[in-house]
Amino acid sequence: MKKRFTFKCWNCPKTYTLFREISTEQVLTVACPFCNAEGVVNLKPYPKKKMIVRGESDVEQKIEELELPDILPTQKPEEK
């Protein structure tokens, strides 16, 4: 499911929000809408939390979600 996340640009001091679908083991590439700099967000350092959700028929479903900060810092992409 897509959610709105807030990112802080590594190139300029501005923050911006984007809709993204984030999985548990992933590196995101995002572009700052203000300076057009491409940034990378590494999600591996953030711990996972497990939740149990009950649906309408009382069926339990286990969901694993990352515990992310309010603002995700971006880093300059590595040169290839």
PDB file of N, CA and C in Angstrom:
ATOM      1  N   MET A   1       0.838  -1.166   0.000  1.00  0.00           N
ATOM      2  CA  MET A   1       0.000   0.000   0.000  1.00  0.00           C
ATOM      3  C   MET A   1       0.890   1.239   0.000  1.00  0.00           C
ATOM      4  N   LYS A   2       0.515   2.221  -0.791  1.00  0.00           N
ATOM      5  CA  LYS A   2       1.277   3.457  -0.845  1.00  0.00           C
ATOM      6  C   LYS A   2       0.915   4.347   0.335  1.00  0.00           C
ATOM      7  N   LYS A   3       1.934   5.031   0.855  1.00  0.00           N
ATOM      8  CA  LYS A   3       1.757   5.987   1.942  1.00  0.00           C
ATOM      9  C   LYS A   3       2.515   7.253   1.591  1.00  0.00           C
ATOM     10  N   ARG A   4       2.168   8.340   2.280  1.00  0.00           N
ATOM     11  CA  ARG A   4       2.890   9.593   2.080  1.00  0.00           C
ATOM     12  C   ARG A   4       4.050   9.648   3.063  1.00  0.00           C
ATOM     13  N   PHE A   5       5.247   9.868   2.536  1.00  0.00           N
ATOM     14  CA  PHE A   5       6.454   9.972   3.346  1.00  0.00           C
ATOM     15  C   PHE A   5       7.096  11.333   3.131  1.00  0.00           C
ATOM     16  N   THR A   6       7.781  11.819   4.162  1.00  0.00           N
ATOM     17  CA  THR A   6       8.488  13.093   4.088  1.00  0.00           C
ATOM     18  C   THR A   6       9.980  12.811   3.971  1.00  0.00           C
ATOM     19  N   PHE A   7      10.619  13.465   3.015  1.00  0.00           N
ATOM     20  CA  PHE A   7      12.041  13.284   2.749  1.00  0.00           C
ATOM     21  C   PHE A   7      12.764  14.615   2.919  1.00  0.00           C
ATOM     22  N   LYS A   8      14.035  14.556   3.341  1.00  0.00           N
ATOM     23  CA  LYS A   8      14.865  15.751   3.424  1.00  0.00           C
ATOM     24  C   LYS A   8      15.963  15.622   2.378  1.00  0.00           C
ATOM     25  N   CYS A   9      16.044  16.604   1.524  1.00  0.00           N
ATOM     26  CA  CYS A   9      17.012  16.585   0.423  1.00  0.00           C
ATOM     27  C   CYS A   9      18.439  16.715   0.950  1.00  0.00           C
ATOM     28  N   TRP A  10      19.340  15.936   0.405  1.00  0.00           N
ATOM     29  CA  TRP A  10      20.754  16.000   0.782  1.00  0.00           C
ATOM     30  C   TRP A  10      21.417  17.232   0.168  1.00  0.00           C
ATOM     31  N   ASN A  11      20.864  17.756  -0.924  1.00  0.00           N
ATOM     32  CA  ASN A  11      21.483  18.843  -1.672  1.00  0.00           C
ATOM     33  C   ASN A  11      21.022  20.226  -1.207  1.00  0.00           C
ATOM     34  N   CYS A  12      19.755  20.358  -0.894  1.00  0.00           N
ATOM     35  CA  CYS A  12      19.218  21.629  -0.395  1.00  0.00           C
ATOM     36  C   CYS A  12      18.528  21.340   0.947  1.00  0.00           C
ATOM     37  N   PRO A  13      18.299  22.311   1.789  1.00  0.00           N
ATOM     38  CA  PRO A  13      17.767  22.029   3.131  1.00  0.00           C
ATOM     39  C   PRO A  13      16.263  21.797   3.185  1.00  0.00           C
ATOM     40  N   LYS A  14      15.626  21.623   2.051  1.00  0.00           N
ATOM     41  CA  LYS A  14      14.161  21.543   2.032  1.00  0.00           C
ATOM     42  C   LYS A  14      13.656  20.118   2.234  1.00  0.00           C
ATOM     43  N   THR A  15      12.448  20.036   2.792  1.00  0.00           N
ATOM     44  CA  THR A  15      11.763  18.750   2.923  1.00  0.00           C
ATOM     45  C   THR A  15      10.593  18.720   1.954  1.00  0.00           C
ATOM     46  N   TYR A  16      10.222  17.523   1.545  1.00  0.00           N
ATOM     47  CA  TYR A  16       9.118  17.343   0.602  1.00  0.00           C
ATOM     48  C   TYR A  16       8.453  16.002   0.873  1.00  0.00           C
ATOM     49  N   THR A  17       7.221  15.862   0.417  1.00  0.00           N
ATOM     50  CA  THR A  17       6.497  14.610   0.624  1.00  0.00           C
ATOM     51  C   THR A  17       6.202  13.950  -0.715  1.00  0.00           C
ATOM     52  N   LEU A  18       6.209  12.626  -0.701  1.00  0.00           N
ATOM     53  CA  LEU A  18       5.892  11.827  -1.880  1.00  0.00           C
ATOM     54  C   LEU A  18       5.114  10.593  -1.451  1.00  0.00           C
ATOM     55  N   PHE A  19       4.237  10.117  -2.341  1.00  0.00           N
ATOM     56  CA  PHE A  19       3.574   8.831  -2.125  1.00  0.00           C
ATOM     57  C   PHE A  19       4.504   7.744  -2.623  1.00  0.00           C
ATOM     58  N   ARG A  20       4.790   6.789  -1.755  1.00  0.00           N
ATOM     59  CA  ARG A  20       5.651   5.669  -2.128  1.00  0.00           C
ATOM     60  C   ARG A  20       5.148   4.399  -1.467  1.00  0.00           C
ATOM     61  N   GLU A  21       5.419   3.295  -2.109  1.00  0.00           N
ATOM     62  CA  GLU A  21       5.181   1.997  -1.497  1.00  0.00           C
ATOM     63  C   GLU A  21       6.537   1.491  -1.046  1.00  0.00           C
ATOM     64  N   ILE A  22       6.646   1.227   0.250  1.00  0.00           N
ATOM     65  CA  ILE A  22       7.936   0.852   0.813  1.00  0.00           C
ATOM     66  C   ILE A  22       7.864  -0.574   1.337  1.00  0.00           C
ATOM     67  N   SER A  23       8.821  -1.398   0.897  1.00  0.00           N
ATOM     68  CA  SER A  23       8.921  -2.751   1.438  1.00  0.00           C
ATOM     69  C   SER A  23      10.004  -2.759   2.512  1.00  0.00           C
ATOM     70  N   THR A  24      10.169  -3.872   3.194  1.00  0.00           N
ATOM     71  CA  THR A  24      11.040  -3.917   4.354  1.00  0.00           C
ATOM     72  C   THR A  24      12.534  -3.878   4.017  1.00  0.00           C
ATOM     73  N   GLU A  25      12.953  -4.388   2.897  1.00  0.00           N
ATOM     74  CA  GLU A  25      14.377  -4.413   2.550  1.00  0.00           C
ATOM     75  C   GLU A  25      14.556  -3.736   1.205  1.00  0.00           C
ATOM     76  N   GLN A  26      14.791  -2.426   1.252  1.00  0.00           N
ATOM     77  CA  GLN A  26      14.768  -1.694   0.009  1.00  0.00           C
ATOM     78  C   GLN A  26      15.630  -0.445   0.100  1.00  0.00           C
ATOM     79  N   VAL A  27      16.114  -0.002  -1.040  1.00  0.00           N
ATOM     80  CA  VAL A  27      16.763   1.293  -1.169  1.00  0.00           C
ATOM     81  C   VAL A  27      15.899   2.100  -2.128  1.00  0.00           C
ATOM     82  N   LEU A  28      15.466   3.261  -1.684  1.00  0.00           N
ATOM     83  CA  LEU A  28      14.604   4.120  -2.503  1.00  0.00           C
ATOM     84  C   LEU A  28      15.431   5.156  -3.235  1.00  0.00           C
ATOM     85  N   THR A  29      15.014   5.492  -4.437  1.00  0.00           N
ATOM     86  CA  THR A  29      15.589   6.612  -5.166  1.00  0.00           C
ATOM     87  C   THR A  29      14.477   7.623  -5.365  1.00  0.00           C
ATOM     88  N   VAL A  30      14.713   8.857  -4.895  1.00  0.00           N
ATOM     89  CA  VAL A  30      13.714   9.914  -4.998  1.00  0.00           C
ATOM     90  C   VAL A  30      14.375  11.162  -5.566  1.00  0.00           C
ATOM     91  N   ALA A  31      13.575  12.011  -6.192  1.00  0.00           N
ATOM     92  CA  ALA A  31      14.081  13.269  -6.746  1.00  0.00           C
ATOM     93  C   ALA A  31      13.438  14.428  -6.005  1.00  0.00           C
ATOM     94  N   CYS A  32      14.261  15.390  -5.604  1.00  0.00           N
ATOM     95  CA  CYS A  32      13.770  16.575  -4.907  1.00  0.00           C
ATOM     96  C   CYS A  32      13.020  17.464  -5.897  1.00  0.00           C
ATOM     97  N   PRO A  33      11.800  17.875  -5.577  1.00  0.00           N
ATOM     98  CA  PRO A  33      11.043  18.729  -6.505  1.00  0.00           C
ATOM     99  C   PRO A  33      11.554  20.176  -6.526  1.00  0.00           C
ATOM    100  N   PHE A  34      12.403  20.547  -5.577  1.00  0.00           N
ATOM    101  CA  PHE A  34      12.897  21.925  -5.502  1.00  0.00           C
ATOM    102  C   PHE A  34      14.187  22.122  -6.286  1.00  0.00           C
ATOM    103  N   CYS A  35      15.163  21.219  -6.098  1.00  0.00           N
ATOM    104  CA  CYS A  35      16.458  21.381  -6.781  1.00  0.00           C
ATOM    105  C   CYS A  35      16.715  20.294  -7.830  1.00  0.00           C
ATOM    106  N   ASN A  36      15.800  19.346  -7.976  1.00  0.00           N
ATOM    107  CA  ASN A  36      15.893  18.241  -8.940  1.00  0.00           C
ATOM    108  C   ASN A  36      17.053  17.285  -8.681  1.00  0.00           C
ATOM    109  N   ALA A  37      17.630  17.334  -7.490  1.00  0.00           N
ATOM    110  CA  ALA A  37      18.716  16.405  -7.162  1.00  0.00           C
ATOM    111  C   ALA A  37      18.123  15.045  -6.818  1.00  0.00           C
ATOM    112  N   GLU A  38      18.760  14.003  -7.339  1.00  0.00           N
ATOM    113  CA  GLU A  38      18.331  12.644  -7.036  1.00  0.00           C
ATOM    114  C   GLU A  38      18.956  12.224  -5.717  1.00  0.00           C
ATOM    115  N   GLY A  39      18.159  11.594  -4.876  1.00  0.00           N
ATOM    116  CA  GLY A  39      18.645  11.147  -3.578  1.00  0.00           C
ATOM    117  C   GLY A  39      18.315   9.691  -3.339  1.00  0.00           C
ATOM    118  N   VAL A  40      19.066   9.074  -2.445  1.00  0.00           N
ATOM    119  CA  VAL A  40      18.892   7.670  -2.109  1.00  0.00           C
ATOM    120  C   VAL A  40      18.546   7.570  -0.631  1.00  0.00           C
ATOM    121  N   VAL A  41      17.578   6.714  -0.317  1.00  0.00           N
ATOM    122  CA  VAL A  41      17.193   6.447   1.066  1.00  0.00           C
ATOM    123  C   VAL A  41      17.402   4.960   1.318  1.00  0.00           C
ATOM    124  N   ASN A  42      18.285   4.637   2.264  1.00  0.00           N
ATOM    125  CA  ASN A  42      18.546   3.251   2.613  1.00  0.00           C
ATOM    126  C   ASN A  42      17.662   2.895   3.804  1.00  0.00           C
ATOM    127  N   LEU A  43      16.801   1.910   3.664  1.00  0.00           N
ATOM    128  CA  LEU A  43      15.848   1.541   4.707  1.00  0.00           C
ATOM    129  C   LEU A  43      16.340   0.410   5.607  1.00  0.00           C
ATOM    130  N   LYS A  44      17.492  -0.174   5.309  1.00  0.00           N
ATOM    131  CA  LYS A  44      17.986  -1.308   6.095  1.00  0.00           C
ATOM    132  C   LYS A  44      18.260  -0.970   7.556  1.00  0.00           C
ATOM    133  N   PRO A  45      18.718   0.243   7.904  1.00  0.00           N
ATOM    134  CA  PRO A  45      19.010   0.511   9.320  1.00  0.00           C
ATOM    135  C   PRO A  45      17.775   0.635  10.213  1.00  0.00           C
ATOM    136  N   TYR A  46      16.613   0.769   9.641  1.00  0.00           N
ATOM    137  CA  TYR A  46      15.411   0.972  10.449  1.00  0.00           C
ATOM    138  C   TYR A  46      14.834  -0.362  10.896  1.00  0.00           C
ATOM    139  N   PRO A  47      14.523  -0.490  12.191  1.00  0.00           N
ATOM    140  CA  PRO A  47      14.017  -1.775  12.710  1.00  0.00           C
ATOM    141  C   PRO A  47      12.602  -2.078  12.221  1.00  0.00           C
ATOM    142  N   LYS A  48      12.310  -3.358  12.201  1.00  0.00           N
ATOM    143  CA  LYS A  48      10.974  -3.803  11.809  1.00  0.00           C
ATOM    144  C   LYS A  48      10.123  -3.994  13.058  1.00  0.00           C
ATOM    145  N   LYS A  49       8.849  -3.684  12.956  1.00  0.00           N
ATOM    146  CA  LYS A  49       7.933  -3.984  14.050  1.00  0.00           C
ATOM    147  C   LYS A  49       6.838  -4.878  13.495  1.00  0.00           C
ATOM    148  N   LYS A  50       6.388  -5.787  14.324  1.00  0.00           N
ATOM    149  CA  LYS A  50       5.343  -6.718  13.902  1.00  0.00           C
ATOM    150  C   LYS A  50       4.034  -6.314  14.551  1.00  0.00           C
ATOM    151  N   MET A  51       2.980  -6.332  13.767  1.00  0.00           N
ATOM    152  CA  MET A  51       1.651  -5.992  14.258  1.00  0.00           C
ATOM    153  C   MET A  51       0.710  -7.133  13.920  1.00  0.00           C
ATOM    154  N   ILE A  52      -0.278  -7.302  14.758  1.00  0.00           N
ATOM    155  CA  ILE A  52      -1.328  -8.282  14.489  1.00  0.00           C
ATOM    156  C   ILE A  52      -2.626  -7.507  14.296  1.00  0.00           C
ATOM    157  N   VAL A  53      -3.262  -7.722  13.155  1.00  0.00           N
ATOM    158  CA  VAL A  53      -4.485  -7.012  12.810  1.00  0.00           C
ATOM    159  C   VAL A  53      -5.620  -8.022  12.722  1.00  0.00           C
ATOM    160  N   ARG A  54      -6.750  -7.673  13.282  1.00  0.00           N
ATOM    161  CA  ARG A  54      -7.925  -8.539  13.193  1.00  0.00           C
ATOM    162  C   ARG A  54      -8.906  -7.942  12.200  1.00  0.00           C
ATOM    163  N   GLY A  55      -9.399  -8.780  11.313  1.00  0.00           N
ATOM    164  CA  GLY A  55     -10.358  -8.340  10.308  1.00  0.00           C
ATOM    165  C   GLY A  55     -11.785  -8.507  10.789  1.00  0.00           C
ATOM    166  N   GLU A  56     -12.706  -8.379   9.865  1.00  0.00           N
ATOM    167  CA  GLU A  56     -14.133  -8.471  10.188  1.00  0.00           C
ATOM    168  C   GLU A  56     -14.516  -9.836  10.746  1.00  0.00           C
ATOM    169  N   SER A  57     -13.887 -10.872  10.247  1.00  0.00           N
ATOM    170  CA  SER A  57     -14.241 -12.227  10.685  1.00  0.00           C
ATOM    171  C   SER A  57     -13.317 -12.713  11.805  1.00  0.00           C
ATOM    172  N   ASP A  58     -12.698 -11.793  12.540  1.00  0.00           N
ATOM    173  CA  ASP A  58     -11.784 -12.099  13.647  1.00  0.00           C
ATOM    174  C   ASP A  58     -10.616 -12.987  13.233  1.00  0.00           C
ATOM    175  N   VAL A  59     -10.217 -12.895  11.967  1.00  0.00           N
ATOM    176  CA  VAL A  59      -9.053 -13.620  11.486  1.00  0.00           C
ATOM    177  C   VAL A  59      -7.836 -12.725  11.717  1.00  0.00           C
ATOM    178  N   GLU A  60      -6.860 -13.272  12.416  1.00  0.00           N
ATOM    179  CA  GLU A  60      -5.669 -12.502  12.702  1.00  0.00           C
ATOM    180  C   GLU A  60      -4.724 -12.509  11.506  1.00  0.00           C
ATOM    181  N   GLN A  61      -4.148 -11.341  11.235  1.00  0.00           N
ATOM    182  CA  GLN A  61      -3.201 -11.217  10.146  1.00  0.00           C
ATOM    183  C   GLN A  61      -1.954 -10.533  10.696  1.00  0.00           C
ATOM    184  N   LYS A  62      -0.795 -11.149  10.477  1.00  0.00           N
ATOM    185  CA  LYS A  62       0.452 -10.575  10.957  1.00  0.00           C
ATOM    186  C   LYS A  62       1.040  -9.679   9.869  1.00  0.00           C
ATOM    187  N   ILE A  63       1.378  -8.460  10.266  1.00  0.00           N
ATOM    188  CA  ILE A  63       1.941  -7.489   9.329  1.00  0.00           C
ATOM    189  C   ILE A  63       3.287  -7.037   9.871  1.00  0.00           C
ATOM    190  N   GLU A  64       4.291  -7.002   8.997  1.00  0.00           N
ATOM    191  CA  GLU A  64       5.606  -6.518   9.377  1.00  0.00           C
ATOM    192  C   GLU A  64       5.794  -5.145   8.738  1.00  0.00           C
ATOM    193  N   GLU A  65       6.121  -4.155   9.556  1.00  0.00           N
ATOM    194  CA  GLU A  65       6.235  -2.787   9.080  1.00  0.00           C
ATOM    195  C   GLU A  65       7.513  -2.172   9.636  1.00  0.00           C
ATOM    196  N   LEU A  66       8.100  -1.254   8.905  1.00  0.00           N
ATOM    197  CA  LEU A  66       9.308  -0.585   9.371  1.00  0.00           C
ATOM    198  C   LEU A  66       8.956   0.551  10.320  1.00  0.00           C
ATOM    199  N   GLU A  67       9.803   0.759  11.325  1.00  0.00           N
ATOM    200  CA  GLU A  67       9.651   1.911  12.212  1.00  0.00           C
ATOM    201  C   GLU A  67      10.498   3.035  11.626  1.00  0.00           C
ATOM    202  N   LEU A  68       9.859   3.917  10.882  1.00  0.00           N
ATOM    203  CA  LEU A  68      10.560   4.981  10.180  1.00  0.00           C
ATOM    204  C   LEU A  68      10.431   6.298  10.927  1.00  0.00           C
ATOM    205  N   PRO A  69      11.439   7.169  10.804  1.00  0.00           N
ATOM    206  CA  PRO A  69      11.326   8.489  11.415  1.00  0.00           C
ATOM    207  C   PRO A  69      10.319   9.342  10.642  1.00  0.00           C
ATOM    208  N   ASP A  70       9.927  10.466  11.227  1.00  0.00           N
ATOM    209  CA  ASP A  70       8.974  11.357  10.557  1.00  0.00           C
ATOM    210  C   ASP A  70       9.540  11.914   9.251  1.00  0.00           C
ATOM    211  N   ILE A  71      10.840  12.204   9.244  1.00  0.00           N
ATOM    212  CA  ILE A  71      11.501  12.726   8.045  1.00  0.00           C
ATOM    213  C   ILE A  71      12.637  11.784   7.683  1.00  0.00           C
ATOM    214  N   LEU A  72      12.573  11.237   6.468  1.00  0.00           N
ATOM    215  CA  LEU A  72      13.601  10.312   5.993  1.00  0.00           C
ATOM    216  C   LEU A  72      14.721  11.105   5.314  1.00  0.00           C
ATOM    217  N   PRO A  73      15.959  10.995   5.813  1.00  0.00           N
ATOM    218  CA  PRO A  73      17.065  11.719   5.180  1.00  0.00           C
ATOM    219  C   PRO A  73      17.499  11.023   3.890  1.00  0.00           C
ATOM    220  N   THR A  74      17.839  11.811   2.895  1.00  0.00           N
ATOM    221  CA  THR A  74      18.360  11.258   1.645  1.00  0.00           C
ATOM    222  C   THR A  74      19.868  11.453   1.609  1.00  0.00           C
ATOM    223  N   GLN A  75      20.515  10.656   0.771  1.00  0.00           N
ATOM    224  CA  GLN A  75      21.966  10.748   0.594  1.00  0.00           C
ATOM    225  C   GLN A  75      22.262  10.890  -0.880  1.00  0.00           C
ATOM    226  N   LYS A  76      23.424  11.450  -1.156  1.00  0.00           N
ATOM    227  CA  LYS A  76      23.862  11.572  -2.542  1.00  0.00           C
ATOM    228  C   LYS A  76      24.092  10.182  -3.117  1.00  0.00           C
ATOM    229  N   PRO A  77      23.559   9.908  -4.322  1.00  0.00           N
ATOM    230  CA  PRO A  77      23.789   8.583  -4.926  1.00  0.00           C
ATOM    231  C   PRO A  77      25.260   8.377  -5.255  1.00  0.00           C
ATOM    232  N   GLU A  78      25.689   7.138  -5.178  1.00  0.00           N
ATOM    233  CA  GLU A  78      27.075   6.817  -5.507  1.00  0.00           C
ATOM    234  C   GLU A  78      27.297   6.971  -6.987  1.00  0.00           C
ATOM    235  N   GLU A  79      28.465   7.472  -7.342  1.00  0.00           N
ATOM    236  CA  GLU A  79      28.843   7.611  -8.754  1.00  0.00           C
ATOM    237  C   GLU A  79      29.102   6.229  -9.335  1.00  0.00           C
ATOM    238  N   LYS A  80      28.671   6.015 -10.567  1.00  0.00           N
ATOM    239  CA  LYS A  80      28.864   4.695 -11.213  1.00  0.00           C
ATOM    240  C   LYS A  80      30.077   4.706 -12.091  1.00  0.00           C
TER     241      LYS A  80
END
